[in-house]
Amino acid sequence: MLTNIIHQEWTGLSVKKHKEVKGLKSQNLRDHMSEAELIFTALAELSTRQIAESDEAVGLVENAKASKKGGAIAKNARIALEDKTGKSLVTGENFLAPDKKRLK
C-alpha cells in the first residue's frame, strides 16, 4: 500500500496503471522501467524513508503521510527535468523481450 502511495505521488499513476501503460501483465514493473524511472523511484523511496525516520513515523497513517511527502520530492524533480527536456519521464517504453511467436 505504501509503495503504491509513493508511486502514485511521483508518477501520477498507480502501480497497476503504470503496468498497463507499459503493456505488462504478470511481469515485474521494475524490470521494465527506464533508467530514469528507476532513479526517480529510488529517489522517492529514499526520501520517504528519511522523512519517516526524521518524523519518527509509526503506523500506517504516519507512514502514508511520509510516503506522500517522499513521493512529492521525486515528483517535483521529475517535473523540473521534464520542463527542461520537453520529454515525459514516465513512458510506455519497456524492456520486454521480443515475442517468440512473432520471430517464427
PDB file of N, CA and C in Angstrom:
ATOM      1  N   MET A   1       0.813  -1.198   0.000  1.00  0.00           N
ATOM      2  CA  MET A   1       0.000   0.000   0.000  1.00  0.00           C
ATOM      3  C   MET A   1       0.862   1.270   0.000  1.00  0.00           C
ATOM      4  N   LEU A   2       1.891   1.286   0.842  1.00  0.00           N
ATOM      5  CA  LEU A   2       2.765   2.455   0.895  1.00  0.00           C
ATOM      6  C   LEU A   2       3.542   2.618  -0.407  1.00  0.00           C
ATOM      7  N   THR A   3       3.955   1.499  -1.002  1.00  0.00           N
ATOM      8  CA  THR A   3       4.657   1.550  -2.282  1.00  0.00           C
ATOM      9  C   THR A   3       3.777   2.210  -3.335  1.00  0.00           C
ATOM     10  N   ASN A   4       2.511   1.873  -3.344  1.00  0.00           N
ATOM     11  CA  ASN A   4       1.602   2.457  -4.319  1.00  0.00           C
ATOM     12  C   ASN A   4       1.389   3.951  -4.055  1.00  0.00           C
ATOM     13  N   ILE A   5       1.355   4.350  -2.805  1.00  0.00           N
ATOM     14  CA  ILE A   5       1.220   5.777  -2.466  1.00  0.00           C
ATOM     15  C   ILE A   5       2.422   6.539  -2.998  1.00  0.00           C
ATOM     16  N   ILE A   6       3.605   6.025  -2.740  1.00  0.00           N
ATOM     17  CA  ILE A   6       4.839   6.666  -3.223  1.00  0.00           C
ATOM     18  C   ILE A   6       4.812   6.761  -4.745  1.00  0.00           C
ATOM     19  N   HIS A   7       4.488   5.644  -5.394  1.00  0.00           N
ATOM     20  CA  HIS A   7       4.494   5.578  -6.855  1.00  0.00           C
ATOM     21  C   HIS A   7       3.459   6.526  -7.458  1.00  0.00           C
ATOM     22  N   GLN A   8       2.257   6.518  -6.901  1.00  0.00           N
ATOM     23  CA  GLN A   8       1.185   7.395  -7.372  1.00  0.00           C
ATOM     24  C   GLN A   8       1.601   8.858  -7.247  1.00  0.00           C
ATOM     25  N   GLU A   9       2.243   9.184  -6.149  1.00  0.00           N
ATOM     26  CA  GLU A   9       2.625  10.578  -5.904  1.00  0.00           C
ATOM     27  C   GLU A   9       3.654  11.062  -6.916  1.00  0.00           C
ATOM     28  N   TRP A  10       4.684  10.253  -7.188  1.00  0.00           N
ATOM     29  CA  TRP A  10       5.738  10.779  -8.062  1.00  0.00           C
ATOM     30  C   TRP A  10       5.423  10.614  -9.541  1.00  0.00           C
ATOM     31  N   THR A  11       4.666   9.575  -9.919  1.00  0.00           N
ATOM     32  CA  THR A  11       4.388   9.359 -11.343  1.00  0.00           C
ATOM     33  C   THR A  11       3.040   9.911 -11.777  1.00  0.00           C
ATOM     34  N   GLY A  12       2.108  10.026 -10.840  1.00  0.00           N
ATOM     35  CA  GLY A  12       0.746  10.367 -11.184  1.00  0.00           C
ATOM     36  C   GLY A  12      -0.053   9.148 -11.613  1.00  0.00           C
ATOM     37  N   LEU A  13       0.558   7.967 -11.506  1.00  0.00           N
ATOM     38  CA  LEU A  13      -0.078   6.702 -11.883  1.00  0.00           C
ATOM     39  C   LEU A  13       0.032   5.702 -10.746  1.00  0.00           C
ATOM     40  N   SER A  14      -0.989   4.884 -10.584  1.00  0.00           N
ATOM     41  CA  SER A  14      -0.855   3.767  -9.644  1.00  0.00           C
ATOM     42  C   SER A  14       0.109   2.758 -10.261  1.00  0.00           C
ATOM     43  N   VAL A  15       0.623   1.857  -9.474  1.00  0.00           N
ATOM     44  CA  VAL A  15       1.498   0.808  -9.997  1.00  0.00           C
ATOM     45  C   VAL A  15       0.746   0.014 -11.060  1.00  0.00           C
ATOM     46  N   LYS A  16      -0.508  -0.312 -10.793  1.00  0.00           N
ATOM     47  CA  LYS A  16      -1.323  -1.081 -11.737  1.00  0.00           C
ATOM     48  C   LYS A  16      -1.465  -0.340 -13.063  1.00  0.00           C
ATOM     49  N   LYS A  17      -1.771   0.954 -13.012  1.00  0.00           N
ATOM     50  CA  LYS A  17      -1.930   1.739 -14.233  1.00  0.00           C
ATOM     51  C   LYS A  17      -0.609   1.862 -14.980  1.00  0.00           C
ATOM     52  N   HIS A  18       0.496   2.028 -14.272  1.00  0.00           N
ATOM     53  CA  HIS A  18       1.815   2.128 -14.900  1.00  0.00           C
ATOM     54  C   HIS A  18       2.136   0.828 -15.641  1.00  0.00           C
ATOM     55  N   LYS A  19       1.789  -0.312 -15.037  1.00  0.00           N
ATOM     56  CA  LYS A  19       1.987  -1.602 -15.700  1.00  0.00           C
ATOM     57  C   LYS A  19       1.138  -1.681 -16.967  1.00  0.00           C
ATOM     58  N   GLU A  20      -0.092  -1.190 -16.904  1.00  0.00           N
ATOM     59  CA  GLU A  20      -0.966  -1.185 -18.075  1.00  0.00           C
ATOM     60  C   GLU A  20      -0.379  -0.326 -19.193  1.00  0.00           C
ATOM     61  N   VAL A  21       0.148   0.852 -18.840  1.00  0.00           N
ATOM     62  CA  VAL A  21       0.753   1.756 -19.825  1.00  0.00           C
ATOM     63  C   VAL A  21       1.914   1.059 -20.535  1.00  0.00           C
ATOM     64  N   LYS A  22       2.660   0.246 -19.799  1.00  0.00           N
ATOM     65  CA  LYS A  22       3.799  -0.470 -20.371  1.00  0.00           C
ATOM     66  C   LYS A  22       3.409  -1.789 -21.037  1.00  0.00           C
ATOM     67  N   GLY A  23       2.138  -2.156 -20.936  1.00  0.00           N
ATOM     68  CA  GLY A  23       1.688  -3.394 -21.558  1.00  0.00           C
ATOM     69  C   GLY A  23       2.097  -4.636 -20.798  1.00  0.00           C
ATOM     70  N   LEU A  24       2.289  -4.498 -19.485  1.00  0.00           N
ATOM     71  CA  LEU A  24       2.717  -5.624 -18.654  1.00  0.00           C
ATOM     72  C   LEU A  24       1.511  -6.320 -18.045  1.00  0.00           C
ATOM     73  N   LYS A  25       1.632  -7.615 -17.890  1.00  0.00           N
ATOM     74  CA  LYS A  25       0.567  -8.381 -17.242  1.00  0.00           C
ATOM     75  C   LYS A  25       1.073  -8.889 -15.897  1.00  0.00           C
ATOM     76  N   SER A  26       1.851  -9.951 -15.912  1.00  0.00           N
ATOM     77  CA  SER A  26       2.341 -10.524 -14.661  1.00  0.00           C
ATOM     78  C   SER A  26       3.799 -10.163 -14.393  1.00  0.00           C
ATOM     79  N   GLN A  27       4.417  -9.448 -15.327  1.00  0.00           N
ATOM     80  CA  GLN A  27       5.830  -9.098 -15.168  1.00  0.00           C
ATOM     81  C   GLN A  27       6.020  -8.039 -14.078  1.00  0.00           C
ATOM     82  N   ASN A  28       7.222  -8.013 -13.545  1.00  0.00           N
ATOM     83  CA  ASN A  28       7.585  -7.037 -12.524  1.00  0.00           C
ATOM     84  C   ASN A  28       7.806  -5.681 -13.180  1.00  0.00           C
ATOM     85  N   LEU A  29       7.146  -4.657 -12.680  1.00  0.00           N
ATOM     86  CA  LEU A  29       7.261  -3.315 -13.250  1.00  0.00           C
ATOM     87  C   LEU A  29       8.704  -2.823 -13.248  1.00  0.00           C
ATOM     88  N   ARG A  30       9.409  -3.006 -12.153  1.00  0.00           N
ATOM     89  CA  ARG A  30      10.790  -2.505 -12.067  1.00  0.00           C
ATOM     90  C   ARG A  30      11.690  -3.098 -13.141  1.00  0.00           C
ATOM     91  N   ASP A  31      11.437  -4.338 -13.518  1.00  0.00           N
ATOM     92  CA  ASP A  31      12.250  -4.978 -14.549  1.00  0.00           C
ATOM     93  C   ASP A  31      12.066  -4.323 -15.911  1.00  0.00           C
ATOM     94  N   HIS A  32      11.043  -3.499 -16.045  1.00  0.00           N
ATOM     95  CA  HIS A  32      10.728  -2.895 -17.331  1.00  0.00           C
ATOM     96  C   HIS A  32      10.745  -1.375 -17.301  1.00  0.00           C
ATOM     97  N   MET A  33      11.301  -0.816 -16.221  1.00  0.00           N
ATOM     98  CA  MET A  33      11.414   0.640 -16.118  1.00  0.00           C
ATOM     99  C   MET A  33      12.658   1.124 -16.849  1.00  0.00           C
ATOM    100  N   SER A  34      12.564   2.361 -17.331  1.00  0.00           N
ATOM    101  CA  SER A  34      13.742   3.011 -17.917  1.00  0.00           C
ATOM    102  C   SER A  34      14.703   3.380 -16.790  1.00  0.00           C
ATOM    103  N   GLU A  35      15.886   3.766 -17.171  1.00  0.00           N
ATOM    104  CA  GLU A  35      16.881   4.193 -16.181  1.00  0.00           C
ATOM    105  C   GLU A  35      16.331   5.360 -15.348  1.00  0.00           C
ATOM    106  N   ALA A  36      15.696   6.326 -16.006  1.00  0.00           N
ATOM    107  CA  ALA A  36      15.152   7.479 -15.301  1.00  0.00           C
ATOM    108  C   ALA A  36      14.035   7.070 -14.344  1.00  0.00           C
ATOM    109  N   GLU A  37      13.144   6.183 -14.790  1.00  0.00           N
ATOM    110  CA  GLU A  37      12.061   5.734 -13.910  1.00  0.00           C
ATOM    111  C   GLU A  37      12.624   5.044 -12.671  1.00  0.00           C
ATOM    112  N   LEU A  38      13.655   4.246 -12.840  1.00  0.00           N
ATOM    113  CA  LEU A  38      14.279   3.571 -11.695  1.00  0.00           C
ATOM    114  C   LEU A  38      14.915   4.578 -10.739  1.00  0.00           C
ATOM    115  N   ILE A  39      15.603   5.553 -11.297  1.00  0.00           N
ATOM    116  CA  ILE A  39      16.285   6.562 -10.464  1.00  0.00           C
ATOM    117  C   ILE A  39      15.270   7.387  -9.676  1.00  0.00           C
ATOM    118  N   PHE A  40      14.188   7.793 -10.321  1.00  0.00           N
ATOM    119  CA  PHE A  40      13.193   8.609  -9.626  1.00  0.00           C
ATOM    120  C   PHE A  40      12.399   7.778  -8.620  1.00  0.00           C
ATOM    121  N   THR A  41      12.210   6.503  -8.905  1.00  0.00           N
ATOM    122  CA  THR A  41      11.589   5.609  -7.919  1.00  0.00           C
ATOM    123  C   THR A  41      12.492   5.509  -6.691  1.00  0.00           C
ATOM    124  N   ALA A  42      13.786   5.339  -6.933  1.00  0.00           N
ATOM    125  CA  ALA A  42      14.739   5.260  -5.817  1.00  0.00           C
ATOM    126  C   ALA A  42      14.751   6.559  -5.012  1.00  0.00           C
ATOM    127  N   LEU A  43      14.705   7.699  -5.702  1.00  0.00           N
ATOM    128  CA  LEU A  43      14.662   8.993  -5.007  1.00  0.00           C
ATOM    129  C   LEU A  43      13.413   9.100  -4.136  1.00  0.00           C
ATOM    130  N   ALA A  44      12.267   8.692  -4.679  1.00  0.00           N
ATOM    131  CA  ALA A  44      11.015   8.745  -3.919  1.00  0.00           C
ATOM    132  C   ALA A  44      11.080   7.850  -2.695  1.00  0.00           C
ATOM    133  N   GLU A  45      11.635   6.645  -2.870  1.00  0.00           N
ATOM    134  CA  GLU A  45      11.719   5.706  -1.742  1.00  0.00           C
ATOM    135  C   GLU A  45      12.725   6.170  -0.690  1.00  0.00           C
ATOM    136  N   LEU A  46      13.866   6.673  -1.131  1.00  0.00           N
ATOM    137  CA  LEU A  46      14.875   7.187  -0.193  1.00  0.00           C
ATOM    138  C   LEU A  46      14.319   8.377   0.574  1.00  0.00           C
ATOM    139  N   SER A  47      13.689   9.294  -0.135  1.00  0.00           N
ATOM    140  CA  SER A  47      13.103  10.475   0.508  1.00  0.00           C
ATOM    141  C   SER A  47      12.056  10.064   1.534  1.00  0.00           C
ATOM    142  N   THR A  48      11.217   9.108   1.162  1.00  0.00           N
ATOM    143  CA  THR A  48      10.180   8.622   2.071  1.00  0.00           C
ATOM    144  C   THR A  48      10.797   8.031   3.330  1.00  0.00           C
ATOM    145  N   ARG A  49      11.790   7.169   3.139  1.00  0.00           N
ATOM    146  CA  ARG A  49      12.420   6.534   4.299  1.00  0.00           C
ATOM    147  C   ARG A  49      13.048   7.568   5.228  1.00  0.00           C
ATOM    148  N   GLN A  50      13.754   8.534   4.664  1.00  0.00           N
ATOM    149  CA  GLN A  50      14.418   9.536   5.504  1.00  0.00           C
ATOM    150  C   GLN A  50      13.403  10.441   6.205  1.00  0.00           C
ATOM    151  N   ILE A  51      12.327  10.773   5.528  1.00  0.00           N
ATOM    152  CA  ILE A  51      11.271  11.586   6.162  1.00  0.00           C
ATOM    153  C   ILE A  51      10.610  10.793   7.283  1.00  0.00           C
ATOM    154  N   ALA A  52      10.306   9.530   7.029  1.00  0.00           N
ATOM    155  CA  ALA A  52       9.676   8.687   8.065  1.00  0.00           C
ATOM    156  C   ALA A  52      10.594   8.563   9.278  1.00  0.00           C
ATOM    157  N   GLU A  53      11.891   8.413   9.033  1.00  0.00           N
ATOM    158  CA  GLU A  53      12.844   8.310  10.148  1.00  0.00           C
ATOM    159  C   GLU A  53      12.923   9.615  10.919  1.00  0.00           C
ATOM    160  N   SER A  54      13.009  10.744  10.215  1.00  0.00           N
ATOM    161  CA  SER A  54      13.147  12.026  10.921  1.00  0.00           C
ATOM    162  C   SER A  54      11.859  12.408  11.652  1.00  0.00           C
ATOM    163  N   ASP A  55      10.717  12.002  11.094  1.00  0.00           N
ATOM    164  CA  ASP A  55       9.427  12.257  11.755  1.00  0.00           C
ATOM    165  C   ASP A  55       9.091  11.198  12.806  1.00  0.00           C
ATOM    166  N   GLU A  56       9.926  10.160  12.859  1.00  0.00           N
ATOM    167  CA  GLU A  56       9.678   9.022  13.743  1.00  0.00           C
ATOM    168  C   GLU A  56       8.274   8.471  13.520  1.00  0.00           C
ATOM    169  N   ALA A  57       7.957   8.280  12.216  1.00  0.00           N
ATOM    170  CA  ALA A  57       6.634   7.787  11.822  1.00  0.00           C
ATOM    171  C   ALA A  57       6.402   6.377  12.340  1.00  0.00           C
ATOM    172  N   VAL A  58       5.219   6.169  12.886  1.00  0.00           N
ATOM    173  CA  VAL A  58       4.811   4.863  13.396  1.00  0.00           C
ATOM    174  C   VAL A  58       3.414   4.584  12.859  1.00  0.00           C
ATOM    175  N   GLY A  59       3.217   3.382  12.356  1.00  0.00           N
ATOM    176  CA  GLY A  59       1.894   3.001  11.883  1.00  0.00           C
ATOM    177  C   GLY A  59       1.616   3.449  10.458  1.00  0.00           C
ATOM    178  N   LEU A  60       0.519   2.952   9.943  1.00  0.00           N
ATOM    179  CA  LEU A  60       0.154   3.184   8.547  1.00  0.00           C
ATOM    180  C   LEU A  60      -0.131   4.651   8.241  1.00  0.00           C
ATOM    181  N   VAL A  61      -0.873   5.314   9.076  1.00  0.00           N
ATOM    182  CA  VAL A  61      -1.263   6.699   8.796  1.00  0.00           C
ATOM    183  C   VAL A  61      -0.045   7.608   8.720  1.00  0.00           C
ATOM    184  N   GLU A  62       0.846   7.516   9.691  1.00  0.00           N
ATOM    185  CA  GLU A  62       2.034   8.371   9.704  1.00  0.00           C
ATOM    186  C   GLU A  62       2.971   8.024   8.547  1.00  0.00           C
ATOM    187  N   ASN A  63       3.117   6.738   8.241  1.00  0.00           N
ATOM    188  CA  ASN A  63       3.983   6.335   7.136  1.00  0.00           C
ATOM    189  C   ASN A  63       3.376   6.689   5.784  1.00  0.00           C
ATOM    190  N   ALA A  64       2.051   6.719   5.694  1.00  0.00           N
ATOM    191  CA  ALA A  64       1.388   7.157   4.460  1.00  0.00           C
ATOM    192  C   ALA A  64       1.671   8.642   4.210  1.00  0.00           C
ATOM    193  N   LYS A  65       1.672   9.431   5.269  1.00  0.00           N
ATOM    194  CA  LYS A  65       1.993  10.862   5.139  1.00  0.00           C
ATOM    195  C   LYS A  65       3.437  11.032   4.669  1.00  0.00           C
ATOM    196  N   ALA A  66       4.357  10.253   5.235  1.00  0.00           N
ATOM    197  CA  ALA A  66       5.760  10.302   4.812  1.00  0.00           C
ATOM    198  C   ALA A  66       5.896   9.851   3.363  1.00  0.00           C
ATOM    199  N   SER A  67       5.097   8.873   2.961  1.00  0.00           N
ATOM    200  CA  SER A  67       5.130   8.371   1.581  1.00  0.00           C
ATOM    201  C   SER A  67       4.716   9.454   0.590  1.00  0.00           C
ATOM    202  N   LYS A  68       3.692  10.206   0.931  1.00  0.00           N
ATOM    203  CA  LYS A  68       3.246  11.303   0.058  1.00  0.00           C
ATOM    204  C   LYS A  68       4.313  12.393  -0.032  1.00  0.00           C
ATOM    205  N   LYS A  69       4.937  12.707   1.091  1.00  0.00           N
ATOM    206  CA  LYS A  69       5.987  13.731   1.097  1.00  0.00           C
ATOM    207  C   LYS A  69       7.203  13.275   0.292  1.00  0.00           C
ATOM    208  N   GLY A  70       7.604  12.028   0.482  1.00  0.00           N
ATOM    209  CA  GLY A  70       8.755  11.492  -0.249  1.00  0.00           C
ATOM    210  C   GLY A  70       8.480  11.409  -1.738  1.00  0.00           C
ATOM    211  N   GLY A  71       7.278  10.957  -2.085  1.00  0.00           N
ATOM    212  CA  GLY A  71       6.903  10.898  -3.492  1.00  0.00           C
ATOM    213  C   GLY A  71       6.846  12.284  -4.125  1.00  0.00           C
ATOM    214  N   ALA A  72       6.431  13.273  -3.349  1.00  0.00           N
ATOM    215  CA  ALA A  72       6.347  14.649  -3.857  1.00  0.00           C
ATOM    216  C   ALA A  72       7.722  15.208  -4.193  1.00  0.00           C
ATOM    217  N   ILE A  73       8.735  14.816  -3.444  1.00  0.00           N
ATOM    218  CA  ILE A  73      10.096  15.269  -3.742  1.00  0.00           C
ATOM    219  C   ILE A  73      10.513  14.769  -5.121  1.00  0.00           C
ATOM    220  N   ALA A  74      10.270  13.487  -5.393  1.00  0.00           N
ATOM    221  CA  ALA A  74      10.602  12.927  -6.703  1.00  0.00           C
ATOM    222  C   ALA A  74       9.719  13.528  -7.794  1.00  0.00           C
ATOM    223  N   LYS A  75       8.455  13.792  -7.474  1.00  0.00           N
ATOM    224  CA  LYS A  75       7.534  14.407  -8.441  1.00  0.00           C
ATOM    225  C   LYS A  75       8.049  15.781  -8.860  1.00  0.00           C
ATOM    226  N   ASN A  76       8.451  16.585  -7.883  1.00  0.00           N
ATOM    227  CA  ASN A  76       8.952  17.926  -8.193  1.00  0.00           C
ATOM    228  C   ASN A  76      10.216  17.858  -9.043  1.00  0.00           C
ATOM    229  N   ALA A  77      11.093  16.909  -8.743  1.00  0.00           N
ATOM    230  CA  ALA A  77      12.314  16.730  -9.538  1.00  0.00           C
ATOM    231  C   ALA A  77      11.952  16.255 -10.948  1.00  0.00           C
ATOM    232  N   ARG A  78      10.988  15.338 -11.058  1.00  0.00           N
ATOM    233  CA  ARG A  78      10.543  14.840 -12.369  1.00  0.00           C
ATOM    234  C   ARG A  78       9.998  15.980 -13.213  1.00  0.00           C
ATOM    235  N   ILE A  79       9.134  16.788 -12.625  1.00  0.00           N
ATOM    236  CA  ILE A  79       8.536  17.906 -13.357  1.00  0.00           C
ATOM    237  C   ILE A  79       9.613  18.893 -13.810  1.00  0.00           C
ATOM    238  N   ALA A  80      10.570  19.175 -12.954  1.00  0.00           N
ATOM    239  CA  ALA A  80      11.662  20.098 -13.312  1.00  0.00           C
ATOM    240  C   ALA A  80      12.465  19.547 -14.498  1.00  0.00           C
ATOM    241  N   LEU A  81      12.766  18.254 -14.476  1.00  0.00           N
ATOM    242  CA  LEU A  81      13.524  17.648 -15.573  1.00  0.00           C
ATOM    243  C   LEU A  81      12.697  17.620 -16.855  1.00  0.00           C
ATOM    244  N   GLU A  82      11.432  17.269 -16.733  1.00  0.00           N
ATOM    245  CA  GLU A  82      10.560  17.251 -17.913  1.00  0.00           C
ATOM    246  C   GLU A  82      10.436  18.652 -18.530  1.00  0.00           C
ATOM    247  N   ASP A  83      10.377  19.673 -17.690  1.00  0.00           N
ATOM    248  CA  ASP A  83      10.305  21.050 -18.188  1.00  0.00           C
ATOM    249  C   ASP A  83      11.564  21.422 -18.968  1.00  0.00           C
ATOM    250  N   LYS A  84      12.704  20.959 -18.491  1.00  0.00           N
ATOM    251  CA  LYS A  84      13.983  21.289 -19.147  1.00  0.00           C
ATOM    252  C   LYS A  84      14.198  20.497 -20.438  1.00  0.00           C
ATOM    253  N   THR A  85      13.733  19.243 -20.467  1.00  0.00           N
ATOM    254  CA  THR A  85      13.990  18.391 -21.630  1.00  0.00           C
ATOM    255  C   THR A  85      12.834  18.350 -22.616  1.00  0.00           C
ATOM    256  N   GLY A  86      11.642  18.688 -22.152  1.00  0.00           N
ATOM    257  CA  GLY A  86      10.465  18.590 -23.007  1.00  0.00           C
ATOM    258  C   GLY A  86      10.016  17.162 -23.241  1.00  0.00           C
ATOM    259  N   LYS A  87      10.539  16.234 -22.439  1.00  0.00           N
ATOM    260  CA  LYS A  87      10.198  14.815 -22.590  1.00  0.00           C
ATOM    261  C   LYS A  87       9.593  14.278 -21.302  1.00  0.00           C
ATOM    262  N   SER A  88       8.609  13.409 -21.472  1.00  0.00           N
ATOM    263  CA  SER A  88       7.996  12.761 -20.318  1.00  0.00           C
ATOM    264  C   SER A  88       8.917  11.669 -19.790  1.00  0.00           C
ATOM    265  N   LEU A  89       9.080  11.639 -18.493  1.00  0.00           N
ATOM    266  CA  LEU A  89       9.926  10.627 -17.858  1.00  0.00           C
ATOM    267  C   LEU A  89       9.214   9.287 -17.744  1.00  0.00           C
ATOM    268  N   VAL A  90       7.932   9.321 -17.480  1.00  0.00           N
ATOM    269  CA  VAL A  90       7.148   8.096 -17.325  1.00  0.00           C
ATOM    270  C   VAL A  90       6.556   7.776 -18.694  1.00  0.00           C
ATOM    271  N   THR A  91       6.972   6.634 -19.244  1.00  0.00           N
ATOM    272  CA  THR A  91       6.546   6.289 -20.597  1.00  0.00           C
ATOM    273  C   THR A  91       6.037   4.858 -20.670  1.00  0.00           C
ATOM    274  N   GLY A  92       5.499   4.524 -21.811  1.00  0.00           N
ATOM    275  CA  GLY A  92       5.055   3.164 -22.087  1.00  0.00           C
ATOM    276  C   GLY A  92       6.188   2.281 -22.571  1.00  0.00           C
ATOM    277  N   GLU A  93       7.374   2.862 -22.760  1.00  0.00           N
ATOM    278  CA  GLU A  93       8.512   2.064 -23.197  1.00  0.00           C
ATOM    279  C   GLU A  93       8.883   1.074 -22.098  1.00  0.00           C
ATOM    280  N   ASN A  94       9.313  -0.112 -22.523  1.00  0.00           N
ATOM    281  CA  ASN A  94       9.726  -1.108 -21.547  1.00  0.00           C
ATOM    282  C   ASN A  94      10.793  -2.005 -22.133  1.00  0.00           C
ATOM    283  N   PHE A  95      11.237  -2.943 -21.344  1.00  0.00           N
ATOM    284  CA  PHE A  95      12.304  -3.828 -21.737  1.00  0.00           C
ATOM    285  C   PHE A  95      11.807  -5.250 -21.902  1.00  0.00           C
ATOM    286  N   LEU A  96      10.609  -5.390 -22.468  1.00  0.00           N
ATOM    287  CA  LEU A  96      10.059  -6.718 -22.721  1.00  0.00           C
ATOM    288  C   LEU A  96      10.873  -7.424 -23.792  1.00  0.00           C
ATOM    289  N   ALA A  97      11.107  -8.690 -23.581  1.00  0.00           N
ATOM    290  CA  ALA A  97      11.772  -9.489 -24.605  1.00  0.00           C
ATOM    291  C   ALA A  97      10.840  -9.623 -25.797  1.00  0.00           C
ATOM    292  N   PRO A  98      11.405  -9.739 -27.019  1.00  0.00           N
ATOM    293  CA  PRO A  98      10.530  -9.929 -28.183  1.00  0.00           C
ATOM    294  C   PRO A  98       9.673 -11.166 -28.040  1.00  0.00           C
ATOM    295  N   ASP A  99       8.475 -11.081 -28.572  1.00  0.00           N
ATOM    296  CA  ASP A  99       7.551 -12.211 -28.554  1.00  0.00           C
ATOM    297  C   ASP A  99       8.094 -13.314 -29.448  1.00  0.00           C
ATOM    298  N   LYS A 100       8.353 -14.492 -28.889  1.00  0.00           N
ATOM    299  CA  LYS A 100       8.940 -15.591 -29.652  1.00  0.00           C
ATOM    300  C   LYS A 100       8.025 -16.049 -30.784  1.00  0.00           C
ATOM    301  N   LYS A 101       6.717 -15.888 -30.624  1.00  0.00           N
ATOM    302  CA  LYS A 101       5.767 -16.285 -31.661  1.00  0.00           C
ATOM    303  C   LYS A 101       5.960 -15.432 -32.912  1.00  0.00           C
ATOM    304  N   ARG A 102       6.284 -14.157 -32.733  1.00  0.00           N
ATOM    305  CA  ARG A 102       6.467 -13.268 -33.872  1.00  0.00           C
ATOM    306  C   ARG A 102       7.780 -13.563 -34.600  1.00  0.00           C
ATOM    307  N   LEU A 103       8.738 -14.158 -33.905  1.00  0.00           N
ATOM    308  CA  LEU A 103      10.043 -14.433 -34.512  1.00  0.00           C
ATOM    309  C   LEU A 103      10.006 -15.623 -35.454  1.00  0.00           C
ATOM    310  N   LYS A 104       9.000 -16.473 -35.343  1.00  0.00           N
ATOM    311  CA  LYS A 104       8.930 -17.683 -36.185  1.00  0.00           C
ATOM    312  C   LYS A 104       8.354 -17.394 -37.537  1.00  0.00           C
TER     313      LYS A 104
END
